Amino acid sequence: MKQILIVEDEEVLRMLAVDLLTDEGYEVDEAADGAEALARLRERDYDLIVLDYMLPFYSGLEVLESIDCHCPERRPKVIMLSAKTGPADQGRAWAAGVDWFIEKPYRPTEFVKKVNEILHETDGHELSS
């Protein structure tokens, strides 16, 4: 079973993501801030991290930059969520190594579709169009 970490400080958005992905059959953990995310990454390996850009304690970018230190065996895929949609903000996220960037607010069906595509891709299968 694929394991996902949702890192989102807004509880309603975090619960929505957890519910959507649990309903898809994924095992989902959650973190409410950057410090909690780093603690979870020390405890467990994840296939995917859904990471908010703006977080308390450590930003999503800081968490992203720490992933290689916390996941030396196998780097998880990362989807960054953000209301910061300017080209400079997105550019920083892409440069830091995100696999996909989703603008908030997002459509739940599109979010689930992208998660499924990214996790399917990691199984070595082609993505469907």
Protein backbone atom coordinates (compact mmCIF):
# COMPACT_ATOMS: atom_id res chain seq x y z
CA MET A 1 0.00 0.00 0.00
CA LYS A 2 1.34 3.43 -0.96
CA GLN A 3 2.11 5.74 1.95
CA ILE A 4 1.45 9.47 1.76
CA LEU A 5 2.28 12.32 4.11
CA ILE A 6 -0.04 15.35 3.98
CA VAL A 7 1.63 18.51 5.33
CA GLU A 8 -0.94 21.30 5.64
CA ASP A 9 -1.45 23.80 8.47
CA GLU A 10 -5.10 24.52 7.63
CA GLU A 11 -6.99 21.74 9.39
CA VAL A 12 -10.00 21.71 7.04
CA LEU A 13 -7.78 21.41 3.95
CA ARG A 14 -5.63 18.76 5.64
CA MET A 15 -8.69 16.69 6.60
CA LEU A 16 -10.09 17.00 3.07
CA ALA A 17 -6.85 15.70 1.57
CA VAL A 18 -6.62 12.89 4.13
CA ASP A 19 -10.23 11.83 3.45
CA LEU A 20 -9.84 11.97 -0.34
CA LEU A 21 -6.68 9.88 -0.35
CA THR A 22 -7.83 7.41 2.30
CA ASP A 23 -10.93 6.80 0.17
CA GLU A 24 -8.56 5.99 -2.72
CA GLY A 25 -6.98 3.26 -0.60
CA TYR A 26 -3.77 5.00 0.40
CA GLU A 27 -2.25 4.92 3.87
CA VAL A 28 -2.12 8.57 4.92
CA ASP A 29 -0.26 10.34 7.72
CA GLU A 30 -0.55 14.03 8.43
CA ALA A 31 1.48 16.92 9.79
CA ALA A 32 0.26 20.41 10.68
CA ASP A 33 3.57 22.25 10.32
CA GLY A 34 7.10 21.95 8.97
CA ALA A 35 8.62 20.71 12.23
CA GLU A 36 6.06 17.91 12.52
CA ALA A 37 6.68 16.99 8.88
CA LEU A 38 10.41 16.61 9.48
CA ALA A 39 9.71 14.46 12.56
CA ARG A 40 7.43 12.18 10.50
CA LEU A 41 10.09 11.89 7.79
CA ARG A 42 12.57 10.65 10.40
CA GLU A 43 10.08 7.96 11.49
CA ARG A 44 8.90 6.55 8.18
CA ASP A 45 9.46 6.32 4.43
CA TYR A 46 6.76 7.80 2.20
CA ASP A 47 5.97 7.31 -1.46
CA LEU A 48 4.50 10.81 -1.76
CA ILE A 49 4.49 14.01 0.26
CA VAL A 50 1.73 16.56 -0.33
CA LEU A 51 3.34 19.72 0.96
CA ASP A 52 1.90 23.17 1.60
CA TYR A 53 4.19 26.05 0.60
CA MET A 54 3.48 28.29 3.60
CA LEU A 55 3.80 26.47 6.94
CA PRO A 56 4.61 27.38 10.54
CA PHE A 57 8.16 26.69 11.86
CA TYR A 58 9.66 25.54 8.56
CA SER A 59 8.28 26.52 5.17
CA GLY A 60 7.38 23.94 2.58
CA LEU A 61 10.55 24.87 0.71
CA GLU A 62 12.67 24.27 3.81
CA VAL A 63 11.00 20.89 4.33
CA LEU A 64 11.55 20.07 0.67
CA GLU A 65 15.24 20.96 0.90
CA SER A 66 15.57 18.67 3.95
CA ILE A 67 13.97 15.65 2.32
CA ASP A 68 17.24 14.29 0.95
CA CYS A 69 18.74 14.35 4.47
CA HIS A 70 15.73 12.61 6.00
CA CYS A 71 15.11 10.16 3.15
CA PRO A 72 18.58 9.10 1.96
CA GLU A 73 17.48 5.62 0.84
CA ARG A 74 14.56 6.62 -1.37
CA ARG A 75 13.35 10.14 -2.14
CA PRO A 76 9.56 10.42 -2.16
CA LYS A 77 7.66 12.24 -4.88
CA VAL A 78 6.45 15.70 -3.81
CA ILE A 79 3.34 17.65 -4.76
CA MET A 80 3.40 21.23 -3.51
CA LEU A 81 0.12 23.01 -2.78
CA SER A 82 0.03 26.78 -2.57
CA ALA A 83 -1.98 29.92 -2.90
CA LYS A 84 1.34 31.56 -3.83
CA THR A 85 0.93 31.18 -7.55
CA GLY A 86 3.33 33.78 -8.93
CA PRO A 87 6.06 32.67 -11.33
CA ALA A 88 8.83 33.40 -8.80
CA ASP A 89 7.18 31.28 -6.09
CA GLN A 90 6.50 28.41 -8.46
CA GLY A 91 10.03 28.72 -9.85
CA ARG A 92 11.50 28.33 -6.35
CA ALA A 93 9.36 25.22 -5.79
CA TRP A 94 10.41 23.64 -9.09
CA ALA A 95 14.06 24.51 -8.43
CA ALA A 96 13.83 22.89 -4.99
CA GLY A 97 12.67 19.65 -6.60
CA VAL A 98 8.88 19.35 -6.55
CA ASP A 99 7.35 16.83 -8.90
CA TRP A 100 4.14 18.81 -9.34
CA PHE A 101 2.69 22.14 -8.23
CA ILE A 102 -1.03 22.54 -7.54
CA GLU A 103 -2.57 25.97 -7.01
CA LYS A 104 -5.05 26.51 -4.18
CA PRO A 105 -7.94 26.35 -4.27
CA TYR A 106 -7.92 23.09 -6.17
CA ARG A 107 -10.63 20.75 -7.41
CA PRO A 108 -10.66 17.56 -5.33
CA THR A 109 -11.10 15.34 -8.40
CA GLU A 110 -8.08 16.91 -10.12
CA PHE A 111 -6.02 16.58 -6.93
CA VAL A 112 -6.82 12.86 -6.62
CA LYS A 113 -6.15 12.32 -10.33
CA LYS A 114 -2.70 13.92 -10.06
CA VAL A 115 -1.82 11.90 -6.93
CA ASN A 116 -2.83 8.69 -8.70
CA GLU A 117 -0.81 9.63 -11.79
CA ILE A 118 2.33 10.44 -9.82
CA LEU A 119 2.12 7.28 -7.72
CA HIS A 120 1.31 5.16 -10.78
CA GLU A 121 4.33 6.66 -12.52
CA THR A 122 6.56 5.53 -9.63
CA ASP A 123 5.40 1.94 -10.26
CA GLY A 124 7.12 2.14 -13.64
CA HIS A 125 3.92 2.32 -15.70
CA GLU A 126 3.07 4.96 -18.26
CA LEU A 127 0.68 7.71 -17.29
CA SER A 128 -2.65 7.69 -19.04
CA SER A 129 -3.73 10.86 -20.77
